[in-house]
Protein backbone atom coordinates (compact mmCIF):
# COMPACT_ATOMS: atom_id res chain seq x y z
CA MET A 1 -0.13 0.08 0.05
CA PHE A 2 1.03 3.32 -0.93
CA ASP A 3 0.27 5.09 1.82
CA LEU A 4 2.00 8.71 2.39
CA ALA A 5 -0.24 10.53 4.59
CA SER A 6 -0.60 13.83 2.36
CA THR A 7 -2.13 12.00 -1.00
CA PRO A 8 -5.67 12.50 -1.71
CA ILE A 9 -6.03 8.95 -2.40
CA THR A 10 -4.14 5.54 -1.66
CA PHE A 11 -3.05 2.96 -3.71
CA LYS A 12 -3.66 -0.50 -2.92
CA GLU A 13 -1.86 -3.84 -4.30
CA PHE A 14 -4.54 -6.45 -5.62
CA ASP A 15 -4.34 -10.05 -6.63
CA LEU A 16 -5.19 -10.78 -10.45
CA PRO A 17 -6.26 -14.15 -11.93
CA LEU A 18 -3.72 -16.60 -12.69
CA SER A 19 -4.05 -16.33 -16.25
CA ASN A 20 -3.55 -12.61 -15.85
CA GLN A 21 -0.71 -12.20 -13.53
CA ARG A 22 2.35 -14.56 -12.90
CA VAL A 23 5.25 -14.41 -10.55
CA LEU A 24 8.62 -13.48 -12.31
CA GLY A 25 11.54 -15.87 -12.70
CA PRO A 26 15.02 -15.00 -12.12
CA PRO A 27 16.99 -12.59 -12.23
CA HIS A 28 14.13 -10.49 -10.84
CA PRO A 29 13.69 -10.20 -6.54
CA THR A 30 11.46 -12.94 -5.04
CA GLY A 31 7.89 -12.65 -5.22
CA ALA A 32 7.76 -9.63 -7.80
CA VAL A 33 4.89 -10.28 -9.99
CA ILE A 34 3.66 -8.78 -13.45
CA PRO A 35 1.62 -6.53 -13.49
CA LEU A 36 1.84 -4.75 -10.29
CA ALA A 37 -2.05 -4.40 -10.03
CA LEU A 38 -3.03 -0.98 -8.23
CA ARG A 39 -6.26 0.69 -7.46
CA PRO A 40 -7.44 3.42 -5.36
CA VAL A 41 -8.64 1.96 -1.51
CA GLU A 42 -11.13 4.60 -1.55
CA LEU A 43 -13.61 2.57 -4.07
CA ASP A 44 -16.60 3.92 -1.69
CA ARG A 45 -16.37 7.07 -3.61
CA LYS A 46 -15.57 8.45 -6.89
CA CYS A 47 -12.14 9.94 -6.85
CA THR A 48 -11.53 12.80 -9.44
CA ILE A 49 -8.64 12.56 -11.94
CA GLU A 50 -7.20 16.02 -10.04
CA GLU A 51 -6.53 13.63 -7.28
CA VAL A 52 -5.56 10.77 -8.86
CA ILE A 53 -2.99 13.14 -10.81
CA GLU A 54 -1.86 14.84 -7.52
CA THR A 55 -1.17 11.82 -6.02
CA ILE A 56 1.10 10.32 -8.86
CA GLN A 57 3.01 13.56 -8.31
CA GLN A 58 3.56 13.41 -4.96
CA LEU A 59 4.70 9.01 -4.96
CA GLN A 60 7.04 10.27 -7.63
CA ARG A 61 8.64 13.28 -5.79
CA LYS A 62 8.90 11.15 -2.95
CA ASP A 63 11.99 8.95 -4.42
CA ASN A 64 10.01 8.27 -7.61
CA ILE A 65 8.35 5.40 -5.75
CA LEU A 66 6.55 4.09 -9.11
CA THR A 67 9.35 4.24 -11.42
CA LYS A 68 11.23 1.84 -8.88
CA LYS A 69 8.25 0.05 -8.79
CA LEU A 70 8.25 -0.16 -12.87
CA ALA A 71 12.10 -1.39 -12.40
CA ARG A 72 11.23 -4.28 -10.08
CA HIS A 73 8.33 -5.80 -11.65
CA GLY A 74 8.28 -4.09 -15.25
CA THR A 75 4.61 -3.17 -15.67
CA LEU A 76 2.00 -1.60 -13.62
CA LEU A 77 -1.76 -1.70 -13.98
CA PHE A 78 -3.58 0.87 -12.78
CA ARG A 79 -7.60 0.04 -12.17
CA ASN A 80 -10.74 1.96 -11.16
CA LEU A 81 -9.28 5.31 -12.03
CA PRO A 82 -11.32 8.54 -12.95
CA ILE A 83 -9.84 8.19 -16.93
CA LYS A 84 -12.48 8.85 -19.87
CA THR A 85 -11.10 10.51 -22.24
CA ALA A 86 -7.65 10.90 -24.18
CA ASN A 87 -7.27 14.33 -22.44
CA ASP A 88 -7.80 12.32 -18.71
CA PHE A 89 -4.83 9.68 -20.02
CA SER A 90 -2.12 12.12 -21.17
CA ARG A 91 -2.69 14.06 -17.88
CA PHE A 92 -2.26 10.70 -15.86
CA ALA A 93 0.80 9.96 -17.93
CA HIS A 94 2.56 13.14 -17.77
CA ALA A 95 2.19 13.11 -14.29
CA PHE A 96 4.75 10.73 -13.93
CA GLY A 97 7.25 13.32 -14.87
CA TYR A 98 8.74 12.11 -17.89
CA LYS A 99 10.08 13.63 -20.84
CA PRO A 100 8.02 12.61 -23.89
CA HIS A 101 9.37 10.73 -26.36
CA GLU A 102 9.60 12.05 -30.16
CA ILE A 103 9.43 8.78 -32.41
CA ILE A 104 11.82 9.48 -35.21
CA GLY A 105 11.25 6.94 -37.98
CA ILE A 106 7.96 5.80 -37.15
CA VAL A 107 7.05 2.50 -38.80
CA VAL A 108 3.22 2.72 -37.64
CA GLU A 109 0.21 5.01 -38.17
CA ARG A 110 -0.35 7.01 -35.03
CA PRO A 111 -2.18 10.07 -35.35
CA LEU A 112 -2.37 12.72 -32.47
CA LEU A 113 -5.72 12.35 -30.28
CA ALA A 114 -3.94 14.54 -27.13
CA PRO A 115 -0.82 15.52 -25.75
CA ASN A 116 1.64 13.03 -26.56
CA VAL A 117 -1.10 10.30 -27.20
CA ALA A 118 -2.47 8.12 -30.27
CA PRO A 119 -3.87 4.79 -30.95
CA ALA A 120 -1.86 2.11 -29.85
CA ASN A 121 -1.77 0.67 -33.43
CA GLU A 122 -4.05 0.62 -36.09
CA SER A 123 -3.42 -2.79 -37.74
CA PRO A 124 -6.58 -4.61 -38.38
CA LYS A 125 -8.01 -6.75 -35.80
CA GLU A 126 -7.13 -9.89 -37.23
CA VAL A 127 -3.56 -8.92 -36.84
CA LEU A 128 -1.24 -10.78 -34.17
CA ILE A 129 1.18 -8.63 -32.78
CA TYR A 130 3.29 -10.39 -30.86
CA SER A 131 5.46 -9.71 -27.71
CA HIS A 132 8.46 -7.41 -28.35
CA ASN A 133 10.24 -4.33 -26.90
CA GLU A 134 8.99 -0.85 -28.56
CA SER A 135 11.02 0.43 -31.49
CA PRO A 136 13.86 -2.63 -30.90
CA GLN A 137 14.73 -1.63 -34.86
CA VAL A 138 15.87 1.63 -34.57
CA PRO A 139 18.58 3.49 -32.66
CA HIS A 140 15.98 5.95 -30.59
CA ALA A 141 13.28 4.00 -28.10
CA PRO A 142 11.06 5.25 -25.39
CA GLU A 143 11.73 3.91 -21.90
CA TYR A 144 8.43 4.05 -20.94
CA ILE A 145 4.94 2.99 -22.56
CA PHE A 146 1.14 3.83 -21.54
CA PHE A 147 -1.68 2.31 -22.44
CA TYR A 148 -5.37 3.16 -21.81
CA GLY A 149 -8.19 1.15 -22.47
CA HIS A 150 -10.95 3.43 -23.83
CA ARG A 151 -12.93 0.35 -25.17
CA VAL A 152 -12.52 -2.91 -25.04
CA PRO A 153 -13.89 -6.18 -26.70
CA SER A 154 -16.01 -8.86 -25.13
CA LYS A 155 -13.56 -11.25 -26.82
CA GLY A 156 -9.75 -11.40 -27.19
CA GLY A 157 -7.67 -8.09 -27.66
CA GLU A 158 -5.56 -9.15 -24.79
CA SER A 159 -1.99 -7.29 -24.18
CA PRO A 160 0.65 -9.49 -23.64
CA MET A 161 3.02 -8.33 -20.83
CA SER A 162 6.37 -10.64 -19.97
CA SER A 163 9.87 -9.26 -18.82
CA SER A 164 13.05 -8.71 -21.25
CA LEU A 165 15.08 -9.57 -18.02
CA GLU A 166 13.78 -13.43 -17.81
CA LEU A 167 14.22 -13.85 -21.31
CA PHE A 168 17.36 -13.07 -21.51
CA ASN A 169 18.18 -15.42 -18.48
CA ARG A 170 16.10 -18.09 -20.27
CA ALA A 171 18.11 -18.14 -23.50
CA GLN A 172 21.60 -17.58 -21.99
CA GLN A 173 20.80 -21.18 -20.11
CA GLU A 174 19.02 -22.73 -23.27
CA ILE A 175 20.56 -21.17 -26.39
CA PRO A 176 23.92 -19.56 -25.01
CA GLU A 177 25.74 -20.02 -28.51
CA PHE A 178 22.85 -17.52 -29.88
CA ILE A 179 23.21 -15.14 -26.91
CA ALA A 180 26.92 -15.22 -27.65
CA GLU A 181 26.30 -14.40 -31.47
CA LEU A 182 24.42 -11.84 -30.42
CA ALA A 183 26.66 -10.15 -27.97
CA GLU A 184 29.70 -10.81 -30.25
CA LYS A 185 27.70 -8.80 -33.52
CA GLY A 186 24.38 -7.37 -32.76
CA ILE A 187 22.16 -7.27 -35.14
CA LEU A 188 21.58 -5.40 -38.63
CA SER A 189 17.71 -3.98 -38.60
CA ARG A 190 16.96 -3.24 -42.19
CA VAL A 191 13.48 -1.21 -42.50
CA LEU A 192 12.17 -0.07 -45.86
CA TYR A 193 10.25 3.25 -46.18
CA LYS A 194 8.02 4.02 -48.97
CA THR A 195 6.00 7.20 -49.97
CA GLU A 196 2.64 5.29 -49.77
CA ARG A 197 1.67 2.74 -46.96
CA GLN A 198 3.02 -0.75 -47.43
CA TYR A 199 0.18 -2.41 -45.10
CA LYS A 200 -2.69 -0.77 -42.98
CA GLY A 201 -1.51 0.88 -39.98
CA GLY A 202 1.96 1.12 -41.42
CA SER A 203 3.55 4.89 -41.67
CA THR A 204 4.58 6.68 -45.02
CA LEU A 205 8.16 8.09 -45.49
CA ARG A 206 6.98 11.74 -44.99
CA GLU A 207 5.48 10.53 -41.36
CA ALA A 208 8.45 9.13 -40.43
CA PHE A 209 11.25 11.41 -41.35
CA GLY A 210 9.44 14.40 -43.16
CA LYS A 211 8.31 16.69 -40.19
CA GLU A 212 10.87 19.56 -41.81
CA ILE A 213 9.33 18.99 -45.26
CA GLU A 214 7.02 21.82 -46.69
CA GLU A 215 4.94 22.27 -49.84
CA GLY A 216 7.09 23.26 -52.65
CA ASP A 217 10.24 21.33 -51.73
CA ASP A 218 11.73 19.55 -54.69
CA GLU A 219 12.89 16.03 -54.41
CA ASP A 220 16.66 17.09 -53.61
CA THR A 221 15.62 19.57 -50.79
CA LYS A 222 13.10 16.67 -49.41
CA ARG A 223 16.10 14.15 -49.34
CA GLN A 224 18.00 16.53 -47.39
CA LYS A 225 15.47 17.08 -44.77
CA ILE A 226 14.79 13.41 -44.51
CA GLU A 227 18.78 12.79 -44.52
CA ALA A 228 18.75 15.59 -41.49
CA GLN A 229 16.42 13.63 -39.56
CA ILE A 230 18.37 10.43 -39.87
CA ALA A 231 21.43 11.88 -38.54
CA ARG A 232 19.48 12.59 -35.52
CA TYR A 233 20.22 9.45 -34.46
CA ARG A 234 23.73 10.12 -33.68
CA ARG A 235 25.00 6.35 -35.01
CA GLY A 236 27.47 7.35 -37.32
CA LYS A 237 28.95 4.51 -39.62
CA HIS A 238 26.17 2.30 -37.63
CA THR A 239 23.25 3.86 -39.57
CA THR A 240 23.25 3.83 -43.54
CA TRP A 241 21.04 4.53 -45.98
CA GLU A 242 20.28 4.23 -49.81
CA TRP A 243 17.70 5.42 -51.99
CA VAL A 244 15.92 3.01 -54.32
CA ASP A 245 13.78 5.62 -56.68
CA ASP A 246 11.43 7.26 -54.13
CA ARG A 247 12.03 4.40 -51.83
CA LEU A 248 14.83 4.69 -48.59
CA ILE A 249 16.10 1.57 -46.95
CA LEU A 250 17.63 2.10 -44.14
CA THR A 251 20.28 -0.12 -41.89
CA HIS A 252 20.76 -0.02 -38.46
CA ARG A 253 23.88 -2.33 -36.46
CA LEU A 254 22.39 -2.36 -33.19
CA PRO A 255 22.27 -4.22 -29.93
CA ALA A 256 19.72 -6.92 -29.13
CA ILE A 257 20.87 -7.31 -25.87
CA ARG A 258 21.38 -4.23 -23.22
CA THR A 259 21.50 -3.48 -19.56
CA GLN A 260 18.69 -1.99 -17.47
CA PRO A 261 19.78 1.44 -15.84
CA GLY A 262 20.71 1.08 -11.96
CA THR A 263 21.15 -2.50 -11.96
CA ASN A 264 23.21 -3.13 -15.14
CA LEU A 265 21.35 -6.33 -15.67
CA PRO A 266 21.33 -7.54 -19.26
CA THR A 267 17.84 -7.42 -20.72
CA LEU A 268 16.88 -8.54 -24.42
CA PHE A 269 15.95 -5.52 -26.01
CA THR A 270 14.37 -7.16 -29.12
CA GLY A 271 11.58 -7.75 -31.46
CA LEU A 272 13.14 -11.09 -33.03
CA ALA A 273 10.54 -13.53 -31.74
CA ALA A 274 7.77 -10.94 -33.27
CA TYR A 275 9.28 -10.75 -36.58
CA TRP A 276 9.65 -14.43 -36.76
CA LYS A 277 6.14 -14.95 -36.02
CA ARG A 278 5.39 -12.17 -38.60
CA LEU A 279 7.14 -13.89 -41.43
CA GLN A 280 5.26 -17.55 -40.64
CA MET A 281 1.90 -15.55 -41.45
CA ASP A 282 2.64 -13.47 -44.10
CA SER A 283 6.25 -13.88 -45.79
CA ALA A 284 5.75 -10.63 -47.66
CA GLN A 285 6.19 -8.68 -44.43
CA LYS A 286 10.24 -9.61 -44.97
CA ASN A 287 9.87 -6.86 -47.47
CA VAL A 288 9.39 -4.15 -44.81
CA THR A 289 11.73 -5.17 -42.20
CA GLN A 290 14.93 -7.98 -42.52
CA GLN A 291 16.67 -8.67 -38.99
CA LEU A 292 20.39 -10.45 -39.27
CA PHE A 293 23.25 -10.53 -37.29
CA GLY A 294 25.48 -7.47 -37.30
CA ASP A 295 27.91 -9.26 -39.63
CA GLY A 296 25.07 -9.34 -41.84
CA THR A 297 24.61 -13.49 -41.90
CA PRO A 298 20.87 -14.53 -41.59
CA ILE A 299 20.11 -15.67 -37.96
CA PRO A 300 18.99 -19.41 -37.87
CA GLU A 301 15.33 -19.93 -37.51
CA LYS A 302 15.72 -21.90 -34.69
CA TYR A 303 16.87 -19.53 -32.45
CA LEU A 304 13.95 -16.94 -33.56
CA ALA A 305 11.39 -20.14 -32.75
CA HIS A 306 13.09 -21.04 -29.13
CA LEU A 307 12.81 -17.41 -28.52
CA ALA A 308 9.25 -17.25 -28.81
CA LYS A 309 9.00 -20.59 -27.14
CA ILE A 310 10.51 -19.23 -23.86
CA THR A 311 7.96 -15.97 -24.66
CA ASP A 312 4.92 -18.32 -24.64
CA GLU A 313 6.09 -19.78 -21.07
CA ILE A 314 6.68 -16.55 -19.52
CA ARG A 315 4.11 -14.24 -20.66
CA VAL A 316 0.55 -13.26 -19.21
CA LEU A 317 -2.22 -11.91 -21.40
CA HIS A 318 -3.92 -8.97 -19.80
CA ARG A 319 -7.87 -8.98 -19.99
CA TRP A 320 -8.64 -5.49 -20.19
CA GLU A 321 -11.26 -3.60 -18.30
CA GLU A 322 -12.64 -0.40 -19.66
CA GLY A 323 -10.53 2.31 -17.83
CA ASP A 324 -7.48 0.41 -17.35
CA VAL A 325 -3.77 1.87 -17.72
CA LEU A 326 -1.00 -0.35 -18.43
CA VAL A 327 2.40 1.25 -17.65
CA TYR A 328 5.45 -0.66 -19.21
CA ASP A 329 9.10 -0.12 -18.38
CA ASN A 330 10.19 -0.49 -21.97
CA VAL A 331 13.75 -1.85 -21.47
CA ILE A 332 12.73 -4.76 -19.34
CA ALA A 333 9.40 -5.55 -20.21
CA GLN A 334 7.62 -6.79 -23.58
CA HIS A 335 4.15 -6.02 -24.99
CA GLY A 336 1.84 -6.95 -27.90
CA ARG A 337 -1.48 -7.28 -28.89
CA GLN A 338 -4.06 -10.40 -29.64
CA PRO A 339 -6.57 -10.51 -32.29
CA TRP A 340 -9.89 -10.15 -31.18
CA GLU A 341 -13.65 -10.81 -32.23
CA GLY A 342 -16.38 -8.02 -33.24
CA ASP A 343 -15.91 -4.78 -34.95
CA GLN A 344 -12.55 -3.15 -35.54
CA SER A 345 -14.01 -0.39 -33.40
CA GLU A 346 -14.67 -2.39 -30.20
CA ARG A 347 -11.29 -1.93 -29.05
CA VAL A 348 -9.47 1.22 -28.70
CA VAL A 349 -6.34 1.52 -27.01
CA LEU A 350 -4.69 4.37 -26.66
CA ALA A 351 -0.51 4.95 -26.20
CA SER A 352 1.76 7.60 -24.86
CA LEU A 353 5.43 7.19 -24.84
CA PHE A 354 8.29 8.73 -22.75
CA ASP A 355 12.08 8.73 -22.42
CA GLY A 356 14.04 8.29 -19.25
CA GLU A 357 16.92 9.88 -17.20
CA SER A 358 19.38 7.84 -18.89
CA VAL A 359 19.48 5.21 -21.94
CA PRO A 360 20.17 1.59 -21.45
CA GLY A 361 23.94 0.47 -20.93
CA PRO A 362 26.02 -1.70 -23.49
CA TYR A 363 26.53 -5.37 -23.48
CA GLY A 364 28.07 -6.60 -26.38
CA PHE A 365 31.82 -5.71 -27.40
CA GLY A 366 31.65 -2.67 -29.69
CA ASP A 367 30.80 0.83 -29.97
CA TRP A 368 27.53 -0.55 -31.96
CA ALA A 369 26.38 -1.51 -28.76
CA GLN A 370 26.05 1.66 -26.78
CA VAL A 371 22.91 3.20 -27.78
CA VAL A 372 22.56 7.14 -27.28
CA PRO A 373 20.16 9.84 -27.13
CA ALA A 374 18.59 11.08 -30.18
CA LEU A 375 19.94 14.83 -30.83
CA SER A 376 16.82 17.13 -29.71
């Protein structure tokens, strides 16, 4: 229980069904669960959004209590809060005191609905979005992700959650040769951007890198402005690009293993299992994103399949209730989206992304292994 005497409301931990909450394995502290579920004690009255915001701010001022809970559990669930709109959600998320994250090289469509709030993903309801860390295919990733269940389907549409720390620990034990190669080589992430959307819910080249483009710019000027945005990654020789007609092929050498700030524990920060799952369902997706070892050699599918196997064993599916908010520490926790039945409009989950005070540390052997904050 968070029992600071001065807070307007008190948050209390509560248990979820075993299908929606589990005890985390090593290296997490004994007894830590995912998600840590919280709700106001004051269920006999309706608390206001202002009271919730003031409580969050006070908890954060008191030694970053909620940030430390995130670092321990990976994911927090807030339930029974008076959040009804995108603006309410925006105010709640900003109360944590984090810096809003600017997505450079966005690969999905995210129209702005409120300050730093957009739809979580606009892909069709039949599409499985498998467990992954946010933005593992680009150098500039958020540290914290907030999801708000504005409208929830009656069947399906759950949000998976699992620990990237636990995933690394299991993979190191079960496929140590793969972990050794990742540490030595990193990965090459090749992303194709086009002027048009490549799939429903995907982004365009202009949405990804064209924030400075103006009407009337000629093609050379547009390309210069796009390349200036790429330079903000500050990756030097580890980010290269090629223009093919009006398409951009962007290649990053990145660490798939990073370390958690504060503990230096290794975390498998990746979407490799999700990439493999997509290829099983739609081989055309290989033309959008390619994942290779950092030396350009293919990653054997047996390793990707094994990552998916471990992920299935350590994840839980969050069954949404209307108004729920999930908060992920993106450095150590993975998320996704299950398909659902009914209309597309029956599930509306909004997202808000934020940066932390520091980026994850290096684990590999080269200068490519250290990610850096993007240039403002």
